[in-house]
């Protein structure tokens, strides 16, 4: 990762609450675009959510990058 990269990844629950904000574990290509991002979440961080949204922000203007948002459905948690 580029230590001076202005981009930050945010993971939000289905209420818009921030679960995670990252500044260091994304992989970038030569155009400084994020090409890979991995984050393991604990069940208690999202167990009541039906979706998780991942967004990329530019810290220079504090705005979300165009077309950077991805929403993922969360499988229902079943206690055994």
PDB file of N, CA and C in Angstrom:
ATOM      1  N   UNK A   1       0.835  -1.187   0.000  1.00  0.00           N
ATOM      2  CA  UNK A   1       0.000   0.000   0.000  1.00  0.00           C
ATOM      3  C   UNK A   1       0.868   1.235   0.000  1.00  0.00           C
ATOM      4  N   UNK A   2       0.371   2.256  -0.603  1.00  0.00           N
ATOM      5  CA  UNK A   2       1.027   3.547  -0.618  1.00  0.00           C
ATOM      6  C   UNK A   2       0.734   4.232   0.708  1.00  0.00           C
ATOM      7  N   UNK A   3       1.766   4.478   1.484  1.00  0.00           N
ATOM      8  CA  UNK A   3       1.539   5.097   2.793  1.00  0.00           C
ATOM      9  C   UNK A   3       0.971   6.499   2.678  1.00  0.00           C
ATOM     10  N   UNK A   4       1.223   7.148   1.545  1.00  0.00           N
ATOM     11  CA  UNK A   4       0.728   8.500   1.367  1.00  0.00           C
ATOM     12  C   UNK A   4      -0.578   8.551   0.579  1.00  0.00           C
ATOM     13  N   UNK A   5      -1.185   7.406   0.351  1.00  0.00           N
ATOM     14  CA  UNK A   5      -2.427   7.368  -0.413  1.00  0.00           C
ATOM     15  C   UNK A   5      -3.524   8.124   0.331  1.00  0.00           C
ATOM     16  N   UNK A   6      -4.303   8.908  -0.398  1.00  0.00           N
ATOM     17  CA  UNK A   6      -5.386   9.664   0.237  1.00  0.00           C
ATOM     18  C   UNK A   6      -6.668   8.855   0.423  1.00  0.00           C
ATOM     19  N   UNK A   7      -6.665   7.592  -0.003  1.00  0.00           N
ATOM     20  CA  UNK A   7      -7.894   6.813   0.008  1.00  0.00           C
ATOM     21  C   UNK A   7      -8.049   5.999   1.283  1.00  0.00           C
ATOM     22  N   UNK A   8      -9.276   5.942   1.777  1.00  0.00           N
ATOM     23  CA  UNK A   8      -9.605   5.176   2.972  1.00  0.00           C
ATOM     24  C   UNK A   8     -10.813   4.312   2.678  1.00  0.00           C
ATOM     25  N   UNK A   9     -10.813   3.104   3.220  1.00  0.00           N
ATOM     26  CA  UNK A   9     -11.923   2.177   3.051  1.00  0.00           C
ATOM     27  C   UNK A   9     -12.760   2.206   4.322  1.00  0.00           C
ATOM     28  N   UNK A  10     -14.067   2.283   4.157  1.00  0.00           N
ATOM     29  CA  UNK A  10     -14.987   2.249   5.300  1.00  0.00           C
ATOM     30  C   UNK A  10     -15.967   1.107   5.104  1.00  0.00           C
ATOM     31  N   UNK A  11     -16.247   0.378   6.176  1.00  0.00           N
ATOM     32  CA  UNK A  11     -17.259  -0.673   6.168  1.00  0.00           C
ATOM     33  C   UNK A  11     -18.370  -0.212   7.103  1.00  0.00           C
ATOM     34  N   UNK A  12     -19.608  -0.240   6.583  1.00  0.00           N
ATOM     35  CA  UNK A  12     -20.753   0.246   7.353  1.00  0.00           C
ATOM     36  C   UNK A  12     -21.819  -0.834   7.448  1.00  0.00           C
ATOM     37  N   UNK A  13     -22.550  -0.848   8.567  1.00  0.00           N
ATOM     38  CA  UNK A  13     -23.662  -1.795   8.691  1.00  0.00           C
ATOM     39  C   UNK A  13     -24.877  -1.239   7.962  1.00  0.00           C
ATOM     40  N   UNK A  14     -26.000  -1.951   8.007  1.00  0.00           N
ATOM     41  CA  UNK A  14     -27.167  -1.519   7.233  1.00  0.00           C
ATOM     42  C   UNK A  14     -27.857  -0.281   7.799  1.00  0.00           C
ATOM     43  N   UNK A  15     -27.412   0.197   8.953  1.00  0.00           N
ATOM     44  CA  UNK A  15     -27.919   1.453   9.511  1.00  0.00           C
ATOM     45  C   UNK A  15     -26.983   2.622   9.225  1.00  0.00           C
ATOM     46  N   UNK A  16     -25.886   2.356   8.515  1.00  0.00           N
ATOM     47  CA  UNK A  16     -24.910   3.392   8.218  1.00  0.00           C
ATOM     48  C   UNK A  16     -23.867   3.579   9.299  1.00  0.00           C
ATOM     49  N   UNK A  17     -23.908   2.741  10.346  1.00  0.00           N
ATOM     50  CA  UNK A  17     -22.927   2.826  11.435  1.00  0.00           C
ATOM     51  C   UNK A  17     -21.592   2.267  10.949  1.00  0.00           C
ATOM     52  N   UNK A  18     -20.523   2.991  11.220  1.00  0.00           N
ATOM     53  CA  UNK A  18     -19.197   2.545  10.809  1.00  0.00           C
ATOM     54  C   UNK A  18     -18.769   1.345  11.635  1.00  0.00           C
ATOM     55  N   UNK A  19     -18.428   0.269  10.945  1.00  0.00           N
ATOM     56  CA  UNK A  19     -17.909  -0.925  11.597  1.00  0.00           C
ATOM     57  C   UNK A  19     -16.387  -0.851  11.617  1.00  0.00           C
ATOM     58  N   UNK A  20     -15.828  -0.305  10.550  1.00  0.00           N
ATOM     59  CA  UNK A  20     -14.378  -0.314  10.381  1.00  0.00           C
ATOM     60  C   UNK A  20     -13.972   0.794   9.425  1.00  0.00           C
ATOM     61  N   UNK A  21     -12.860   1.460   9.726  1.00  0.00           N
ATOM     62  CA  UNK A  21     -12.264   2.414   8.788  1.00  0.00           C
ATOM     63  C   UNK A  21     -10.804   2.025   8.660  1.00  0.00           C
ATOM     64  N   UNK A  22     -10.322   1.951   7.433  1.00  0.00           N
ATOM     65  CA  UNK A  22      -8.977   1.463   7.199  1.00  0.00           C
ATOM     66  C   UNK A  22      -8.125   2.486   6.477  1.00  0.00           C
ATOM     67  N   UNK A  23      -6.862   2.493   6.829  1.00  0.00           N
ATOM     68  CA  UNK A  23      -5.929   3.357   6.123  1.00  0.00           C
ATOM     69  C   UNK A  23      -4.660   2.625   5.726  1.00  0.00           C
ATOM     70  N   UNK A  24      -4.624   1.295   5.899  1.00  0.00           N
ATOM     71  CA  UNK A  24      -3.330   0.663   5.662  1.00  0.00           C
ATOM     72  C   UNK A  24      -3.303  -0.699   4.996  1.00  0.00           C
ATOM     73  N   UNK A  25      -4.397  -1.434   4.869  1.00  0.00           N
ATOM     74  CA  UNK A  25      -4.249  -2.796   4.348  1.00  0.00           C
ATOM     75  C   UNK A  25      -4.955  -3.049   3.021  1.00  0.00           C
ATOM     76  N   UNK A  26      -4.941  -2.058   2.153  1.00  0.00           N
ATOM     77  CA  UNK A  26      -5.477  -2.241   0.807  1.00  0.00           C
ATOM     78  C   UNK A  26      -4.308  -2.361  -0.161  1.00  0.00           C
ATOM     79  N   UNK A  27      -4.531  -3.039  -1.285  1.00  0.00           N
ATOM     80  CA  UNK A  27      -3.523  -3.149  -2.338  1.00  0.00           C
ATOM     81  C   UNK A  27      -3.931  -2.242  -3.488  1.00  0.00           C
ATOM     82  N   UNK A  28      -2.950  -1.578  -4.070  1.00  0.00           N
ATOM     83  CA  UNK A  28      -3.203  -0.601  -5.124  1.00  0.00           C
ATOM     84  C   UNK A  28      -2.510  -1.009  -6.419  1.00  0.00           C
ATOM     85  N   UNK A  29      -3.041  -0.552  -7.573  1.00  0.00           N
ATOM     86  CA  UNK A  29      -2.356  -0.754  -8.843  1.00  0.00           C
ATOM     87  C   UNK A  29      -1.542   0.494  -9.171  1.00  0.00           C
ATOM     88  N   UNK A  30      -0.928   0.525 -10.349  1.00  0.00           N
ATOM     89  CA  UNK A  30      -0.055   1.645 -10.711  1.00  0.00           C
ATOM     90  C   UNK A  30      -0.804   2.970 -10.870  1.00  0.00           C
ATOM     91  N   UNK A  31      -2.121   2.919 -11.035  1.00  0.00           N
ATOM     92  CA  UNK A  31      -2.928   4.144 -11.118  1.00  0.00           C
ATOM     93  C   UNK A  31      -3.426   4.591  -9.750  1.00  0.00           C
ATOM     94  N   UNK A  32      -2.939   3.945  -8.697  1.00  0.00           N
ATOM     95  CA  UNK A  32      -3.336   4.253  -7.323  1.00  0.00           C
ATOM     96  C   UNK A  32      -4.793   3.904  -7.052  1.00  0.00           C
ATOM     97  N   UNK A  33      -5.330   2.929  -7.797  1.00  0.00           N
ATOM     98  CA  UNK A  33      -6.679   2.427  -7.550  1.00  0.00           C
ATOM     99  C   UNK A  33      -6.609   1.234  -6.613  1.00  0.00           C
ATOM    100  N   UNK A  34      -7.544   1.133  -5.697  1.00  0.00           N
ATOM    101  CA  UNK A  34      -7.591  -0.024  -4.810  1.00  0.00           C
ATOM    102  C   UNK A  34      -8.024  -1.235  -5.626  1.00  0.00           C
ATOM    103  N   UNK A  35      -7.209  -2.274  -5.603  1.00  0.00           N
ATOM    104  CA  UNK A  35      -7.532  -3.485  -6.362  1.00  0.00           C
ATOM    105  C   UNK A  35      -7.835  -4.666  -5.458  1.00  0.00           C
ATOM    106  N   UNK A  36      -7.485  -4.557  -4.183  1.00  0.00           N
ATOM    107  CA  UNK A  36      -7.775  -5.638  -3.246  1.00  0.00           C
ATOM    108  C   UNK A  36      -7.885  -5.065  -1.844  1.00  0.00           C
ATOM    109  N   UNK A  37      -8.870  -5.561  -1.131  1.00  0.00           N
ATOM    110  CA  UNK A  37      -9.051  -5.158   0.255  1.00  0.00           C
ATOM    111  C   UNK A  37      -9.614  -6.345   1.011  1.00  0.00           C
ATOM    112  N   UNK A  38      -8.953  -6.751   2.066  1.00  0.00           N
ATOM    113  CA  UNK A  38      -9.414  -7.883   2.879  1.00  0.00           C
ATOM    114  C   UNK A  38      -9.537  -7.434   4.330  1.00  0.00           C
ATOM    115  N   UNK A  39     -10.643  -7.775   4.937  1.00  0.00           N
ATOM    116  CA  UNK A  39     -10.847  -7.471   6.354  1.00  0.00           C
ATOM    117  C   UNK A  39     -11.745  -8.535   6.950  1.00  0.00           C
ATOM    118  N   UNK A  40     -11.256  -9.203   7.966  1.00  0.00           N
ATOM    119  CA  UNK A  40     -12.054 -10.182   8.691  1.00  0.00           C
ATOM    120  C   UNK A  40     -12.832  -9.443   9.772  1.00  0.00           C
ATOM    121  N   UNK A  41     -14.137  -9.682   9.820  1.00  0.00           N
ATOM    122  CA  UNK A  41     -14.984  -9.036  10.820  1.00  0.00           C
ATOM    123  C   UNK A  41     -15.417 -10.045  11.868  1.00  0.00           C
ATOM    124  N   UNK A  42     -15.562  -9.571  13.079  1.00  0.00           N
ATOM    125  CA  UNK A  42     -16.094 -10.391  14.156  1.00  0.00           C
ATOM    126  C   UNK A  42     -17.619 -10.398  14.056  1.00  0.00           C
ATOM    127  N   UNK A  43     -18.243 -11.510  14.402  1.00  0.00           N
ATOM    128  CA  UNK A  43     -19.692 -11.639  14.313  1.00  0.00           C
ATOM    129  C   UNK A  43     -20.413 -10.526  15.065  1.00  0.00           C
ATOM    130  N   UNK A  44     -19.918 -10.154  16.230  1.00  0.00           N
ATOM    131  CA  UNK A  44     -20.606  -9.126  17.019  1.00  0.00           C
ATOM    132  C   UNK A  44     -20.585  -7.751  16.355  1.00  0.00           C
ATOM    133  N   UNK A  45     -19.763  -7.566  15.319  1.00  0.00           N
ATOM    134  CA  UNK A  45     -19.718  -6.294  14.614  1.00  0.00           C
ATOM    135  C   UNK A  45     -20.878  -6.128  13.630  1.00  0.00           C
ATOM    136  N   UNK A  46     -21.454  -7.238  13.178  1.00  0.00           N
ATOM    137  CA  UNK A  46     -22.472  -7.138  12.133  1.00  0.00           C
ATOM    138  C   UNK A  46     -23.652  -8.089  12.294  1.00  0.00           C
ATOM    139  N   UNK A  47     -23.752  -8.827  13.391  1.00  0.00           N
ATOM    140  CA  UNK A  47     -24.736  -9.909  13.497  1.00  0.00           C
ATOM    141  C   UNK A  47     -26.189  -9.462  13.362  1.00  0.00           C
ATOM    142  N   UNK A  48     -26.509  -8.223  13.642  1.00  0.00           N
ATOM    143  CA  UNK A  48     -27.884  -7.747  13.502  1.00  0.00           C
ATOM    144  C   UNK A  48     -28.140  -7.059  12.160  1.00  0.00           C
ATOM    145  N   UNK A  49     -27.148  -7.046  11.292  1.00  0.00           N
ATOM    146  CA  UNK A  49     -27.279  -6.384   9.993  1.00  0.00           C
ATOM    147  C   UNK A  49     -27.660  -7.377   8.911  1.00  0.00           C
ATOM    148  N   UNK A  50     -28.439  -6.913   7.957  1.00  0.00           N
ATOM    149  CA  UNK A  50     -28.781  -7.733   6.795  1.00  0.00           C
ATOM    150  C   UNK A  50     -27.812  -7.484   5.651  1.00  0.00           C
ATOM    151  N   UNK A  51     -27.140  -6.326   5.679  1.00  0.00           N
ATOM    152  CA  UNK A  51     -26.165  -5.985   4.648  1.00  0.00           C
ATOM    153  C   UNK A  51     -24.959  -5.297   5.274  1.00  0.00           C
ATOM    154  N   UNK A  52     -23.871  -5.302   4.526  1.00  0.00           N
ATOM    155  CA  UNK A  52     -22.665  -4.547   4.860  1.00  0.00           C
ATOM    156  C   UNK A  52     -22.317  -3.758   3.610  1.00  0.00           C
ATOM    157  N   UNK A  53     -21.963  -2.491   3.775  1.00  0.00           N
ATOM    158  CA  UNK A  53     -21.575  -1.660   2.644  1.00  0.00           C
ATOM    159  C   UNK A  53     -20.115  -1.262   2.790  1.00  0.00           C
ATOM    160  N   UNK A  54     -19.375  -1.382   1.692  1.00  0.00           N
ATOM    161  CA  UNK A  54     -17.972  -0.976   1.644  1.00  0.00           C
ATOM    162  C   UNK A  54     -17.893   0.253   0.750  1.00  0.00           C
ATOM    163  N   UNK A  55     -17.252   1.304   1.256  1.00  0.00           N
ATOM    164  CA  UNK A  55     -17.108   2.550   0.498  1.00  0.00           C
ATOM    165  C   UNK A  55     -15.655   3.000   0.545  1.00  0.00           C
ATOM    166  N   UNK A  56     -15.240   3.708  -0.494  1.00  0.00           N
ATOM    167  CA  UNK A  56     -13.897   4.278  -0.541  1.00  0.00           C
ATOM    168  C   UNK A  56     -14.031   5.796  -0.536  1.00  0.00           C
ATOM    169  N   UNK A  57     -13.285   6.430   0.362  1.00  0.00           N
ATOM    170  CA  UNK A  57     -13.314   7.882   0.504  1.00  0.00           C
ATOM    171  C   UNK A  57     -11.967   8.476   0.141  1.00  0.00           C
ATOM    172  N   UNK A  58     -11.998   9.693  -0.374  1.00  0.00           N
ATOM    173  CA  UNK A  58     -10.792  10.465  -0.651  1.00  0.00           C
ATOM    174  C   UNK A  58     -10.653  11.469   0.491  1.00  0.00           C
ATOM    175  N   UNK A  59      -9.580  11.381   1.242  1.00  0.00           N
ATOM    176  CA  UNK A  59      -9.412  12.252   2.407  1.00  0.00           C
ATOM    177  C   UNK A  59      -9.133  13.704   2.030  1.00  0.00           C
ATOM    178  N   UNK A  60      -8.755  13.941   0.777  1.00  0.00           N
ATOM    179  CA  UNK A  60      -8.463  15.323   0.375  1.00  0.00           C
ATOM    180  C   UNK A  60      -9.719  16.178   0.353  1.00  0.00           C
ATOM    181  N   UNK A  61     -10.837  15.586  -0.070  1.00  0.00           N
ATOM    182  CA  UNK A  61     -12.081  16.361  -0.095  1.00  0.00           C
ATOM    183  C   UNK A  61     -13.172  15.726   0.775  1.00  0.00           C
ATOM    184  N   UNK A  62     -12.813  14.627   1.458  1.00  0.00           N
ATOM    185  CA  UNK A  62     -13.720  13.916   2.372  1.00  0.00           C
ATOM    186  C   UNK A  62     -14.999  13.436   1.695  1.00  0.00           C
ATOM    187  N   UNK A  63     -14.875  13.069   0.423  1.00  0.00           N
ATOM    188  CA  UNK A  63     -16.037  12.595  -0.320  1.00  0.00           C
ATOM    189  C   UNK A  63     -15.835  11.149  -0.748  1.00  0.00           C
ATOM    190  N   UNK A  64     -16.951  10.457  -0.887  1.00  0.00           N
ATOM    191  CA  UNK A  64     -16.921   9.086  -1.392  1.00  0.00           C
ATOM    192  C   UNK A  64     -16.568   9.127  -2.874  1.00  0.00           C
ATOM    193  N   UNK A  65     -15.716   8.202  -3.310  1.00  0.00           N
ATOM    194  CA  UNK A  65     -15.370   8.124  -4.725  1.00  0.00           C
ATOM    195  C   UNK A  65     -16.569   7.636  -5.525  1.00  0.00           C
ATOM    196  N   UNK A  66     -16.732   8.170  -6.708  1.00  0.00           N
ATOM    197  CA  UNK A  66     -17.822   7.741  -7.586  1.00  0.00           C
ATOM    198  C   UNK A  66     -17.729   6.247  -7.846  1.00  0.00           C
ATOM    199  N   UNK A  67     -18.848   5.573  -7.801  1.00  0.00           N
ATOM    200  CA  UNK A  67     -18.948   4.134  -8.090  1.00  0.00           C
ATOM    201  C   UNK A  67     -18.059   3.267  -7.195  1.00  0.00           C
ATOM    202  N   UNK A  68     -17.777   3.721  -5.982  1.00  0.00           N
ATOM    203  CA  UNK A  68     -16.910   2.933  -5.100  1.00  0.00           C
ATOM    204  C   UNK A  68     -17.682   2.106  -4.082  1.00  0.00           C
ATOM    205  N   UNK A  69     -18.975   2.290  -4.008  1.00  0.00           N
ATOM    206  CA  UNK A  69     -19.781   1.627  -2.987  1.00  0.00           C
ATOM    207  C   UNK A  69     -20.234   0.242  -3.443  1.00  0.00           C
ATOM    208  N   UNK A  70     -20.062  -0.729  -2.552  1.00  0.00           N
ATOM    209  CA  UNK A  70     -20.508  -2.098  -2.805  1.00  0.00           C
ATOM    210  C   UNK A  70     -21.283  -2.557  -1.579  1.00  0.00           C
ATOM    211  N   UNK A  71     -22.485  -3.092  -1.791  1.00  0.00           N
ATOM    212  CA  UNK A  71     -23.286  -3.607  -0.685  1.00  0.00           C
ATOM    213  C   UNK A  71     -23.370  -5.118  -0.799  1.00  0.00           C
ATOM    214  N   UNK A  72     -23.116  -5.787   0.311  1.00  0.00           N
ATOM    215  CA  UNK A  72     -23.067  -7.247   0.369  1.00  0.00           C
ATOM    216  C   UNK A  72     -24.138  -7.735   1.334  1.00  0.00           C
ATOM    217  N   UNK A  73     -24.891  -8.735   0.925  1.00  0.00           N
ATOM    218  CA  UNK A  73     -25.876  -9.350   1.828  1.00  0.00           C
ATOM    219  C   UNK A  73     -25.154 -10.229   2.837  1.00  0.00           C
ATOM    220  N   UNK A  74     -25.594 -10.154   4.079  1.00  0.00           N
ATOM    221  CA  UNK A  74     -24.993 -10.943   5.149  1.00  0.00           C
ATOM    222  C   UNK A  74     -25.849 -12.183   5.375  1.00  0.00           C
ATOM    223  N   UNK A  75     -25.237 -13.368   5.328  1.00  0.00           N
ATOM    224  CA  UNK A  75     -26.022 -14.579   5.613  1.00  0.00           C
ATOM    225  C   UNK A  75     -26.575 -14.533   7.032  1.00  0.00           C
ATOM    226  N   UNK A  76     -27.742 -15.084   7.216  1.00  0.00           N
ATOM    227  CA  UNK A  76     -28.360 -15.111   8.538  1.00  0.00           C
ATOM    228  C   UNK A  76     -27.521 -15.971   9.469  1.00  0.00           C
ATOM    229  N   UNK A  77     -27.295 -15.458  10.662  1.00  0.00           N
ATOM    230  CA  UNK A  77     -26.525 -16.176  11.674  1.00  0.00           C
ATOM    231  C   UNK A  77     -27.446 -17.124  12.422  1.00  0.00           C
ATOM    232  N   UNK A  78     -27.055 -18.375  12.488  1.00  0.00           N
ATOM    233  CA  UNK A  78     -27.829 -19.384  13.226  1.00  0.00           C
ATOM    234  C   UNK A  78     -27.001 -19.911  14.382  1.00  0.00           C
ATOM    235  N   UNK A  79     -27.545 -19.840  15.573  1.00  0.00           N
ATOM    236  CA  UNK A  79     -26.868 -20.438  16.726  1.00  0.00           C
ATOM    237  C   UNK A  79     -27.064 -21.938  16.670  1.00  0.00           C
ATOM    238  N   UNK A  80     -26.046 -22.650  17.022  1.00  0.00           N
ATOM    239  CA  UNK A  80     -26.140 -24.114  17.042  1.00  0.00           C
ATOM    240  C   UNK A  80     -26.460 -24.590  18.429  1.00  0.00           C
TER     241      UNK A  80
END
